[in-house]
Amino acid sequence: MAKAGASAEMISNYVGGRWVHAETGEVQEVSNPATGEIIGRVPLSSAADIDAAVAAAQAAYPGWRATPPQERARYLMRLREALDKHREDVARVIVTDMGKTLEDARGEVQRGIENVETACSVSTLMMGYGLEDGAGRGIDEDVVHQPLGVFAGITPFNFPFMIALWFWPYAIATGNTYILKPSELDPMTQQRVFQLIDEIGLPPGVLNLVHGGTEAVNALLDHPLIQGVSFVGATKTARYVYARAAAAGKRVQASGGAKNAAVVMPDADLQTHLPSLMNSLFGAAGQRCLANSLIMPVSSARAGAVDAVVAAAGELRVGDGLEAGVDIGPVVSAGARDRIVSAIDLGISEGATAILDGRKPIVPERPNGYFVSPTVLDGVHPGTHTYTDEIFGPVVGVTPVATLDEALSLINASPYGNGASIFTESGAAARKFRYEVEAGNVGINVGVPAPVAWFPFSGAKGSFFGVLHPQGRDAVRFFTETKVVISRWGGAARK
């Protein structure tokens, strides 16, 4: 059993501008994935705790909605400065909370800050448009974008800092109020972020934090005063969130799982692009929705691509993400580790060959950590669980194809459509891939095609449920209603 560390604090909710204890008596332990040590205890908040947060957000909404956009943006400017000042501290919390390497965590912090920066331009992003005499002589027509009220976000463990910032900065910048429910697996990161939020003077109730599990999620999905919900997680859960929230009359953007493929053409410059490919395969221990978990080498590319990946993966150092020189940290929990190892077992039983087997990593300095080393399974065929199912770990399947057309056919037949990459020096092949592939985020000689903050984080098919995606202009439109105003004043039409 894991031991409790000296910093195993009891986590609080943040509601109405105050730290408050959850009403529930149900608590879950939070552990450091690299050591197994208990570092916190998170409350699994009840529906009553959600009600309290919604009441605070609803009470704050009229005054916040009436606050001019540029004044709202100034609070985000202050937060941006606070996050920038404490970025190293936040990154280290991410590592001990979730398990990724410090370098990876620093990148996550930067991407999150960029969303805050983008939301600061709300005065431009929220602008409407109009036309004099647009509806006839003397009749003007205008469009304005207005906030709706209280929104909520349910975010995953794999990016405990960044993904929350895909949502709430845009929500509050446009005049809404917000409730965030982060993953109960690694809640310490948002606890640290809200400590900084508490210092910038945001009006009470504009932004609230409630920890919890299934009961809290269902309460958010059902609450009549919540206007919309944002979610990122597994496809099964995303579909559930979308259906239940939509049935309650809410707006929904629900990002689901993935089974992304990297197509390697015979002319690919692997010497140049191998680091990008490797990052997409094994970065964050494969716990990314844009991780490439399949390699599809085309024709003669097979031998060179597989040999290069196996050789590079064999050099990756597994260990505590806070240690210098570590390339891959632990997975998020003991349960995740056991699930990933079982998936490797299943892949081998289905006929794949483990040309690199990471089921029994040796990490002497962290014997209680939740580690899985890079694993490469050759001969992963369509129709098998290893080919079809999202493993969400440092496990890569090799599925050889004869042509680019075959690769596109396989990718497009997948129920997922989050991302896909191609490595090639051919402009014609790259354009064909970009034009035909059914995926929301596409990389050309880019392993992780993660959009920056001013572009939407897309997704298609079973990887996204909704219409408007997170980030950028899509986010602004998701959090606002379009109002059309047609106006005519006496005497104007006679002039």
Protein backbone atom coordinates (compact mmCIF):
# COMPACT_ATOMS: atom_id res chain seq x y z
CA MET A 1 0.00 0.00 0.00
CA ALA A 2 1.23 3.50 -0.83
CA LYS A 3 2.46 5.60 2.04
CA ALA A 4 1.27 9.12 2.71
CA GLY A 5 3.82 11.85 2.28
CA ALA A 6 4.27 14.91 4.43
CA SER A 7 2.39 16.99 1.85
CA ALA A 8 -0.69 14.72 1.66
CA GLU A 9 -3.07 17.65 2.05
CA MET A 10 -6.85 17.57 1.98
CA ILE A 11 -7.92 19.43 -1.13
CA SER A 12 -10.70 22.02 -1.04
CA ASN A 13 -13.19 23.36 -3.57
CA TYR A 14 -13.09 27.01 -4.60
CA VAL A 15 -16.59 28.50 -4.69
CA GLY A 16 -17.72 32.12 -4.64
CA GLY A 17 -14.18 33.41 -4.19
CA ARG A 18 -13.50 31.23 -1.12
CA TRP A 19 -11.86 27.90 -0.35
CA VAL A 20 -14.58 25.64 1.02
CA HIS A 21 -14.76 22.05 2.23
CA ALA A 22 -16.94 19.74 0.16
CA GLU A 23 -20.09 18.50 1.87
CA THR A 24 -19.33 14.93 0.87
CA GLY A 25 -17.47 12.59 3.16
CA GLU A 26 -16.16 10.53 0.25
CA VAL A 27 -12.46 11.07 -0.44
CA GLN A 28 -9.98 9.63 -2.94
CA GLU A 29 -6.22 9.47 -2.47
CA VAL A 30 -3.91 11.15 -4.98
CA SER A 31 -0.49 9.62 -5.55
CA ASN A 32 2.75 10.65 -7.21
CA PRO A 33 2.97 8.27 -10.21
CA ALA A 34 6.77 8.09 -10.03
CA THR A 35 6.93 7.02 -6.38
CA GLY A 36 3.49 5.71 -5.46
CA GLU A 37 3.53 8.08 -2.48
CA ILE A 38 0.21 9.66 -1.48
CA ILE A 39 0.45 13.43 -2.01
CA GLY A 40 -3.13 14.52 -1.46
CA ARG A 41 -6.73 13.60 -0.75
CA VAL A 42 -9.43 14.85 -3.08
CA PRO A 43 -13.12 15.10 -2.16
CA LEU A 44 -15.63 13.43 -4.48
CA SER A 45 -18.11 16.27 -4.33
CA SER A 46 -21.84 15.68 -4.23
CA ALA A 47 -24.70 17.20 -6.18
CA ALA A 48 -25.13 19.63 -3.27
CA ASP A 49 -21.57 20.88 -3.80
CA ILE A 50 -22.35 21.43 -7.48
CA ASP A 51 -25.53 23.30 -6.53
CA ALA A 52 -23.49 25.63 -4.33
CA ALA A 53 -21.04 26.36 -7.13
CA VAL A 54 -23.82 26.98 -9.64
CA ALA A 55 -25.54 29.34 -7.21
CA ALA A 56 -22.34 31.33 -6.79
CA ALA A 57 -21.73 31.46 -10.55
CA GLN A 58 -25.33 32.45 -11.29
CA ALA A 59 -25.21 35.23 -8.70
CA ALA A 60 -22.01 36.60 -10.21
CA TYR A 61 -23.25 36.47 -13.79
CA PRO A 62 -25.30 39.72 -14.13
CA GLY A 63 -22.49 41.94 -12.84
CA TRP A 64 -19.81 40.12 -14.81
CA ARG A 65 -21.87 40.16 -18.00
CA ALA A 66 -22.25 43.96 -17.61
CA THR A 67 -18.49 44.41 -17.19
CA PRO A 68 -16.98 45.78 -20.45
CA PRO A 69 -14.96 43.17 -22.38
CA GLN A 70 -11.68 45.03 -22.04
CA GLU A 71 -12.10 45.20 -18.26
CA ARG A 72 -12.76 41.46 -18.19
CA ALA A 73 -9.64 40.93 -20.27
CA ARG A 74 -7.51 42.82 -17.76
CA TYR A 75 -8.15 40.13 -15.15
CA LEU A 76 -6.83 37.59 -17.64
CA MET A 77 -3.81 39.80 -18.27
CA ARG A 78 -3.05 39.70 -14.56
CA LEU A 79 -3.46 35.93 -14.55
CA ARG A 80 -1.16 35.63 -17.53
CA GLU A 81 1.54 37.48 -15.61
CA ALA A 82 1.01 35.32 -12.52
CA LEU A 83 1.20 32.10 -14.53
CA ASP A 84 4.31 33.29 -16.33
CA LYS A 85 5.97 34.20 -13.04
CA HIS A 86 5.17 30.80 -11.51
CA ARG A 87 5.49 28.65 -14.64
CA GLU A 88 8.32 26.52 -13.25
CA ASP A 89 6.46 25.90 -10.01
CA VAL A 90 3.31 24.89 -11.93
CA ALA A 91 5.31 22.61 -14.23
CA ARG A 92 6.80 20.78 -11.26
CA VAL A 93 3.36 20.28 -9.75
CA ILE A 94 2.24 18.75 -13.07
CA VAL A 95 5.14 16.27 -12.95
CA THR A 96 4.43 15.07 -9.41
CA ASP A 97 0.68 15.10 -10.05
CA MET A 98 0.47 13.41 -13.46
CA GLY A 99 3.90 11.92 -14.17
CA LYS A 100 5.14 13.48 -17.42
CA THR A 101 8.68 14.79 -17.74
CA LEU A 102 9.57 18.30 -16.64
CA GLU A 103 10.35 19.36 -20.20
CA ASP A 104 6.95 18.12 -21.35
CA ALA A 105 5.23 19.86 -18.43
CA ARG A 106 6.96 23.12 -19.29
CA GLY A 107 5.60 22.83 -22.81
CA GLU A 108 2.10 22.23 -21.44
CA VAL A 109 2.33 25.34 -19.28
CA GLN A 110 3.41 27.43 -22.27
CA ARG A 111 0.50 26.19 -24.38
CA GLY A 112 -1.94 26.91 -21.58
CA ILE A 113 -0.62 30.44 -21.12
CA GLU A 114 -1.05 31.03 -24.86
CA ASN A 115 -4.79 30.36 -24.47
CA VAL A 116 -4.99 32.98 -21.74
CA GLU A 117 -3.14 35.40 -24.03
CA THR A 118 -5.53 34.68 -26.88
CA ALA A 119 -8.58 35.20 -24.67
CA CYS A 120 -7.18 38.61 -23.71
CA SER A 121 -8.04 39.77 -27.24
CA VAL A 122 -11.75 39.18 -26.57
CA SER A 123 -12.66 42.73 -27.57
CA THR A 124 -11.68 41.82 -31.12
CA LEU A 125 -12.75 38.17 -31.13
CA MET A 126 -16.22 39.02 -29.81
CA MET A 127 -16.95 41.75 -32.33
CA GLY A 128 -20.13 41.50 -34.37
CA TYR A 129 -20.89 43.08 -37.71
CA GLY A 130 -23.57 45.24 -39.29
CA LEU A 131 -24.84 46.91 -42.43
CA GLU A 132 -26.63 50.24 -42.85
CA ASP A 133 -29.76 49.90 -44.98
CA GLY A 134 -29.07 46.16 -44.88
CA ALA A 135 -32.75 45.24 -44.52
CA GLY A 136 -34.09 48.00 -46.73
CA ARG A 137 -34.04 51.78 -47.06
CA GLY A 138 -33.55 53.25 -43.61
CA ILE A 139 -33.49 49.83 -41.97
CA ASP A 140 -30.17 48.79 -40.42
CA GLU A 141 -29.14 45.26 -39.48
CA ASP A 142 -26.52 44.29 -36.92
CA VAL A 143 -25.17 41.13 -35.31
CA VAL A 144 -23.85 41.04 -31.73
CA HIS A 145 -22.43 38.14 -29.74
CA GLN A 146 -23.69 37.89 -26.17
CA PRO A 147 -22.83 35.58 -23.23
CA LEU A 148 -25.38 33.06 -22.00
CA GLY A 149 -24.72 32.48 -18.29
CA VAL A 150 -23.05 29.63 -16.39
CA PHE A 151 -20.82 27.11 -18.18
CA ALA A 152 -18.92 24.06 -16.91
CA GLY A 153 -15.82 22.11 -17.90
CA ILE A 154 -14.88 18.48 -17.18
CA THR A 155 -11.21 17.92 -17.95
CA PRO A 156 -8.92 14.85 -18.17
CA PHE A 157 -5.77 13.76 -16.37
CA ASN A 158 -3.30 13.84 -19.25
CA PHE A 159 -3.02 17.64 -19.51
CA PRO A 160 -4.10 18.78 -16.03
CA PHE A 161 -3.08 22.38 -16.71
CA MET A 162 -3.57 23.11 -20.41
CA ILE A 163 -6.92 21.59 -21.32
CA ALA A 164 -8.84 23.56 -18.69
CA LEU A 165 -7.42 26.68 -20.37
CA TRP A 166 -8.91 25.62 -23.71
CA PHE A 167 -12.24 26.55 -22.14
CA TRP A 168 -12.69 28.87 -19.20
CA PRO A 169 -10.52 31.85 -20.28
CA TYR A 170 -12.76 32.22 -23.35
CA ALA A 171 -15.90 31.63 -21.30
CA ILE A 172 -15.22 34.33 -18.74
CA ALA A 173 -13.67 36.72 -21.27
CA THR A 174 -16.95 36.69 -23.20
CA GLY A 175 -18.93 37.46 -20.04
CA ASN A 176 -20.00 34.05 -18.75
CA THR A 177 -19.24 32.53 -15.36
CA TYR A 178 -17.68 29.11 -14.97
CA ILE A 179 -17.32 25.89 -12.95
CA LEU A 180 -14.32 23.62 -13.53
CA LYS A 181 -14.23 19.95 -12.49
CA PRO A 182 -10.72 18.59 -13.12
CA SER A 183 -9.75 14.93 -13.10
CA GLU A 184 -9.73 13.38 -9.65
CA LEU A 185 -6.55 11.49 -10.62
CA ASP A 186 -4.36 14.61 -10.60
CA PRO A 187 -6.22 17.55 -9.03
CA MET A 188 -3.17 19.20 -7.45
CA THR A 189 -2.35 21.16 -10.61
CA GLN A 190 -5.62 23.07 -10.73
CA GLN A 191 -5.41 23.57 -6.98
CA ARG A 192 -2.18 25.48 -7.60
CA VAL A 193 -3.68 27.42 -10.52
CA PHE A 194 -6.66 28.51 -8.44
CA GLN A 195 -4.34 29.72 -5.71
CA LEU A 196 -2.99 32.13 -8.33
CA ILE A 197 -6.50 32.97 -9.53
CA ASP A 198 -7.44 33.84 -5.95
CA GLU A 199 -4.68 36.45 -5.93
CA ILE A 200 -5.74 38.43 -9.04
CA GLY A 201 -8.96 39.82 -7.57
CA LEU A 202 -11.48 38.18 -9.90
CA PRO A 203 -15.02 38.94 -8.64
CA PRO A 204 -16.35 36.13 -6.42
CA GLY A 205 -18.28 33.45 -8.28
CA VAL A 206 -16.96 34.22 -11.76
CA LEU A 207 -14.69 31.16 -11.67
CA ASN A 208 -15.25 28.14 -9.43
CA LEU A 209 -13.46 24.84 -8.83
CA VAL A 210 -15.27 21.68 -7.73
CA HIS A 211 -13.51 18.33 -7.40
CA GLY A 212 -15.31 15.06 -7.82
CA GLY A 213 -16.19 11.94 -9.76
CA THR A 214 -19.30 10.53 -11.41
CA GLU A 215 -21.86 12.19 -9.12
CA ALA A 216 -20.33 15.62 -9.70
CA VAL A 217 -20.22 15.05 -13.46
CA ASN A 218 -23.86 14.01 -13.65
CA ALA A 219 -24.90 16.98 -11.52
CA LEU A 220 -23.16 19.33 -13.95
CA LEU A 221 -24.75 17.65 -16.97
CA ASP A 222 -28.24 17.84 -15.48
CA HIS A 223 -28.25 21.22 -13.74
CA PRO A 224 -30.89 23.49 -15.32
CA LEU A 225 -28.88 26.69 -14.81
CA ILE A 226 -25.78 25.46 -16.66
CA GLN A 227 -25.93 26.58 -20.28
CA GLY A 228 -23.16 24.46 -21.75
CA VAL A 229 -20.52 21.84 -21.00
CA SER A 230 -17.01 21.25 -22.34
CA PHE A 231 -15.41 17.83 -21.98
CA VAL A 232 -12.27 15.91 -22.97
CA GLY A 233 -11.85 12.19 -22.31
CA ALA A 234 -12.51 8.72 -23.67
CA THR A 235 -14.96 8.38 -26.55
CA LYS A 236 -17.44 6.29 -24.57
CA THR A 237 -17.61 8.98 -21.90
CA ALA A 238 -17.64 11.81 -24.45
CA ARG A 239 -20.65 10.26 -26.16
CA TYR A 240 -22.38 9.92 -22.79
CA VAL A 241 -21.62 13.53 -21.83
CA TYR A 242 -22.82 14.79 -25.19
CA ALA A 243 -26.08 12.84 -25.09
CA ARG A 244 -26.96 13.60 -21.46
CA ALA A 245 -26.06 17.30 -21.56
CA ALA A 246 -27.76 17.84 -24.92
CA ALA A 247 -30.89 16.10 -23.62
CA ALA A 248 -30.89 18.68 -20.83
CA GLY A 249 -30.84 21.45 -23.46
CA LYS A 250 -27.19 22.42 -23.12
CA ARG A 251 -24.52 23.31 -25.64
CA VAL A 252 -21.82 20.66 -25.69
CA GLN A 253 -18.29 20.27 -27.02
CA ALA A 254 -17.06 16.81 -26.14
CA SER A 255 -13.67 15.59 -27.35
CA GLY A 256 -13.20 11.83 -27.32
CA GLY A 257 -10.50 9.24 -27.87
CA ALA A 258 -8.27 8.43 -30.80
CA LYS A 259 -6.29 5.83 -32.68
CA ASN A 260 -3.95 8.04 -34.66
CA ALA A 261 -1.69 6.73 -37.41
CA ALA A 262 1.62 8.01 -38.73
CA VAL A 263 2.12 7.13 -42.41
CA VAL A 264 5.78 6.82 -43.40
CA MET A 265 6.41 7.07 -47.14
CA PRO A 266 9.49 5.51 -48.81
CA ASP A 267 10.92 8.99 -49.47
CA ALA A 268 10.51 10.17 -45.85
CA ASP A 269 13.53 12.00 -44.42
CA LEU A 270 13.65 10.05 -41.16
CA GLN A 271 17.06 11.43 -40.26
CA THR A 272 15.45 14.86 -39.97
CA HIS A 273 12.00 13.96 -38.73
CA LEU A 274 12.65 10.99 -36.44
CA PRO A 275 12.60 13.15 -33.25
CA SER A 276 9.14 14.48 -34.19
CA LEU A 277 7.89 10.96 -34.90
CA MET A 278 9.32 9.60 -31.65
CA ASN A 279 7.76 12.41 -29.63
CA SER A 280 4.38 11.56 -31.13
CA LEU A 281 4.78 7.87 -30.31
CA PHE A 282 6.16 7.98 -26.78
CA GLY A 283 5.92 11.54 -25.44
CA ALA A 284 3.99 11.75 -22.15
CA ALA A 285 4.23 7.94 -22.08
CA GLY A 286 1.74 7.83 -24.94
CA GLN A 287 -0.96 9.50 -22.82
CA ARG A 288 -1.94 12.10 -25.41
CA CYS A 289 -5.05 12.25 -27.54
CA LEU A 290 -2.73 13.17 -30.45
CA ALA A 291 -0.25 10.36 -29.81
CA ASN A 292 0.43 8.26 -32.89
CA SER A 293 -0.19 4.71 -31.71
CA LEU A 294 0.05 3.15 -35.18
CA ILE A 295 2.86 3.36 -37.72
CA MET A 296 1.85 2.62 -41.30
CA PRO A 297 5.06 2.26 -43.32
CA VAL A 298 4.34 2.26 -47.06
CA SER A 299 5.98 -0.44 -49.16
CA SER A 300 9.79 -0.30 -48.90
CA ALA A 301 9.66 2.14 -45.96
CA ARG A 302 8.93 -0.68 -43.53
CA ALA A 303 12.39 -1.92 -42.66
CA GLY A 304 14.02 1.48 -42.31
CA ALA A 305 11.15 3.00 -40.34
CA VAL A 306 10.75 0.11 -37.91
CA ASP A 307 14.49 -0.24 -37.34
CA ALA A 308 14.84 3.50 -36.70
CA VAL A 309 11.93 3.63 -34.26
CA VAL A 310 13.03 0.53 -32.34
CA ALA A 311 16.62 1.75 -32.08
CA ALA A 312 15.58 5.21 -30.90
CA ALA A 313 12.97 3.85 -28.47
CA GLY A 314 15.52 1.50 -26.96
CA GLU A 315 17.65 4.52 -26.03
CA LEU A 316 14.86 6.32 -24.18
CA ARG A 317 15.36 6.52 -20.42
CA VAL A 318 12.37 5.75 -18.23
CA GLY A 319 12.14 7.28 -14.76
CA ASP A 320 10.93 10.10 -12.54
CA GLY A 321 10.05 13.07 -14.72
CA LEU A 322 11.76 15.49 -12.33
CA GLU A 323 15.15 13.85 -12.92
CA ALA A 324 17.49 15.20 -15.58
CA GLY A 325 17.92 12.96 -18.59
CA VAL A 326 14.62 11.13 -18.21
CA ASP A 327 12.70 10.83 -21.51
CA ILE A 328 9.57 9.01 -20.38
CA GLY A 329 7.87 9.29 -17.02
CA PRO A 330 5.37 6.92 -15.39
CA VAL A 331 1.78 6.48 -16.47
CA VAL A 332 -0.78 8.19 -14.29
CA SER A 333 -1.81 5.33 -11.97
CA ALA A 334 -1.25 1.72 -11.03
CA GLY A 335 -4.54 0.90 -12.72
CA ALA A 336 -3.39 2.53 -15.95
CA ARG A 337 -0.13 0.57 -15.81
CA ASP A 338 -1.92 -2.73 -15.34
CA ARG A 339 -4.38 -1.95 -18.14
CA ILE A 340 -1.56 -1.11 -20.57
CA VAL A 341 0.37 -4.27 -19.74
CA SER A 342 -2.80 -6.30 -20.30
CA ALA A 343 -3.24 -4.62 -23.70
CA ILE A 344 0.30 -5.66 -24.67
CA ASP A 345 -0.45 -9.21 -23.56
CA LEU A 346 -3.58 -9.18 -25.71
CA GLY A 347 -1.71 -7.84 -28.73
CA ILE A 348 0.81 -10.66 -28.54
CA SER A 349 -1.97 -13.24 -28.15
CA GLU A 350 -3.56 -11.80 -31.28
CA GLY A 351 -0.43 -12.54 -33.28
CA ALA A 352 1.66 -9.37 -33.02
CA THR A 353 5.38 -9.65 -32.29
CA ALA A 354 6.87 -7.58 -29.47
CA ILE A 355 10.08 -6.42 -31.13
CA LEU A 356 10.46 -4.05 -28.16
CA ASP A 357 8.78 -5.18 -24.93
CA GLY A 358 8.26 -2.68 -22.12
CA ARG A 359 6.11 -4.71 -19.75
CA LYS A 360 8.81 -5.14 -17.09
CA PRO A 361 10.79 -1.91 -16.89
CA ILE A 362 13.61 -1.65 -14.40
CA VAL A 363 13.69 1.69 -12.56
CA PRO A 364 15.83 0.94 -9.47
CA GLU A 365 15.57 4.43 -7.99
CA ARG A 366 11.73 4.39 -8.17
CA PRO A 367 10.68 0.80 -7.45
CA ASN A 368 7.09 1.76 -6.57
CA GLY A 369 6.39 3.91 -9.63
CA TYR A 370 3.83 3.16 -12.31
CA PHE A 371 6.21 2.60 -15.22
CA VAL A 372 5.78 1.02 -18.66
CA SER A 373 8.70 1.21 -21.11
CA PRO A 374 8.33 1.87 -24.85
CA THR A 375 6.78 -1.10 -26.61
CA VAL A 376 6.66 -1.79 -30.36
CA LEU A 377 4.33 -4.50 -31.64
CA ASP A 378 4.99 -5.57 -35.23
CA GLY A 379 2.34 -7.12 -37.43
CA VAL A 380 -0.70 -5.41 -35.93
CA HIS A 381 -3.57 -6.17 -38.29
CA PRO A 382 -6.93 -4.46 -38.82
CA GLY A 383 -9.69 -6.16 -36.88
CA THR A 384 -7.58 -6.88 -33.80
CA HIS A 385 -8.03 -5.09 -30.50
CA THR A 386 -4.48 -3.74 -30.68
CA TYR A 387 -5.25 -2.11 -34.01
CA THR A 388 -8.69 -0.80 -33.07
CA ASP A 389 -8.59 0.11 -29.37
CA GLU A 390 -7.00 3.17 -27.83
CA ILE A 391 -4.36 1.88 -25.41
CA PHE A 392 -3.26 5.31 -24.13
CA GLY A 393 0.24 4.24 -23.18
CA PRO A 394 3.73 3.95 -24.70
CA VAL A 395 2.63 1.15 -27.05
CA VAL A 396 2.97 1.42 -30.82
CA GLY A 397 1.62 -0.99 -33.43
CA VAL A 398 3.21 -1.46 -36.86
CA THR A 399 0.71 -1.98 -39.69
CA PRO A 400 2.51 -2.22 -43.06
CA VAL A 401 0.65 -1.05 -46.18
CA ALA A 402 1.43 -1.29 -49.87
CA THR A 403 0.32 2.18 -50.98
CA LEU A 404 -0.74 5.57 -49.69
CA ASP A 405 -4.25 4.79 -50.91
CA GLU A 406 -4.33 1.72 -48.66
CA ALA A 407 -3.17 3.78 -45.69
CA LEU A 408 -5.85 6.39 -46.31
CA SER A 409 -8.49 3.69 -46.66
CA LEU A 410 -7.54 2.16 -43.31
CA ILE A 411 -7.38 5.51 -41.50
CA ASN A 412 -10.71 6.65 -42.93
CA ALA A 413 -12.36 3.36 -41.93
CA SER A 414 -11.51 4.02 -38.26
CA PRO A 415 -14.33 5.20 -36.00
CA TYR A 416 -11.90 7.83 -34.70
CA GLY A 417 -10.77 11.00 -36.41
CA ASN A 418 -8.67 13.00 -34.00
CA GLY A 419 -5.33 13.19 -35.80
CA ALA A 420 -3.14 11.70 -38.50
CA SER A 421 0.38 12.38 -39.76
CA ILE A 422 2.38 11.69 -42.89
CA PHE A 423 6.14 11.76 -43.30
CA THR A 424 7.19 12.40 -46.89
CA GLU A 425 9.24 14.68 -49.14
CA SER A 426 6.58 14.54 -51.86
CA GLY A 427 4.31 17.56 -52.14
CA ALA A 428 1.85 15.52 -54.18
CA ALA A 429 1.63 12.80 -51.50
CA ALA A 430 1.30 15.40 -48.75
CA ARG A 431 -1.49 17.24 -50.55
CA LYS A 432 -3.36 14.01 -51.28
CA PHE A 433 -3.11 13.04 -47.61
CA ARG A 434 -4.23 16.46 -46.40
CA TYR A 435 -7.13 16.49 -48.88
CA GLU A 436 -8.44 12.97 -48.30
CA VAL A 437 -7.68 11.98 -44.71
CA GLU A 438 -10.68 12.06 -42.35
CA ALA A 439 -9.07 13.56 -39.28
CA GLY A 440 -9.45 16.87 -37.53
CA ASN A 441 -5.75 17.58 -36.88
CA VAL A 442 -3.30 16.70 -39.66
CA GLY A 443 0.50 16.71 -39.53
CA ILE A 444 2.79 16.85 -42.55
CA ASN A 445 6.23 15.90 -41.27
CA VAL A 446 4.83 16.84 -37.86
CA GLY A 447 4.20 14.04 -35.38
CA VAL A 448 1.94 15.91 -32.94
CA PRO A 449 -0.26 18.30 -34.98
CA ALA A 450 -1.53 20.17 -31.92
CA PRO A 451 -3.05 23.52 -32.95
CA VAL A 452 -1.84 26.65 -31.19
CA ALA A 453 -4.34 28.68 -29.20
CA TRP A 454 -5.63 30.91 -31.98
CA PHE A 455 -6.69 27.88 -34.06
CA PRO A 456 -9.37 25.37 -33.02
CA PHE A 457 -8.33 22.01 -31.61
CA SER A 458 -10.31 19.97 -34.08
CA GLY A 459 -11.51 16.38 -34.17
CA ALA A 460 -13.87 14.29 -36.27
CA LYS A 461 -16.08 11.22 -36.13
CA GLY A 462 -15.90 9.45 -32.75
CA SER A 463 -13.17 11.83 -31.57
CA PHE A 464 -15.49 14.83 -31.26
CA PHE A 465 -19.16 15.37 -30.48
CA GLY A 466 -20.47 18.84 -31.15
CA VAL A 467 -20.01 21.61 -33.69
CA LEU A 468 -17.69 24.25 -32.26
CA HIS A 469 -14.27 23.07 -31.09
CA PRO A 470 -12.06 24.27 -28.20
CA GLN A 471 -9.71 27.25 -28.57
CA GLY A 472 -9.68 30.41 -30.67
CA ARG A 473 -12.69 31.72 -32.56
CA ASP A 474 -14.58 28.45 -32.21
CA ALA A 475 -14.41 28.83 -28.42
CA VAL A 476 -15.69 32.40 -28.54
CA ARG A 477 -18.66 31.32 -30.67
CA PHE A 478 -19.38 28.35 -28.38
CA PHE A 479 -19.61 30.63 -25.35
CA THR A 480 -21.81 33.29 -26.99
CA GLU A 481 -25.21 33.54 -28.62
CA THR A 482 -25.66 35.41 -31.90
CA LYS A 483 -28.28 38.13 -31.73
CA VAL A 484 -29.50 39.89 -34.88
CA VAL A 485 -30.88 43.41 -34.42
CA ILE A 486 -32.96 45.02 -37.19
CA SER A 487 -33.73 48.68 -36.48
CA ARG A 488 -35.72 51.46 -38.15
CA TRP A 489 -36.25 54.96 -36.78
CA GLY A 490 -39.14 57.25 -37.64
CA GLY A 491 -38.50 59.39 -40.72
CA ALA A 492 -35.30 57.64 -41.69
CA ALA A 493 -36.89 55.77 -44.61
CA ARG A 494 -38.29 59.00 -46.09
CA LYS A 495 -34.90 60.67 -46.47
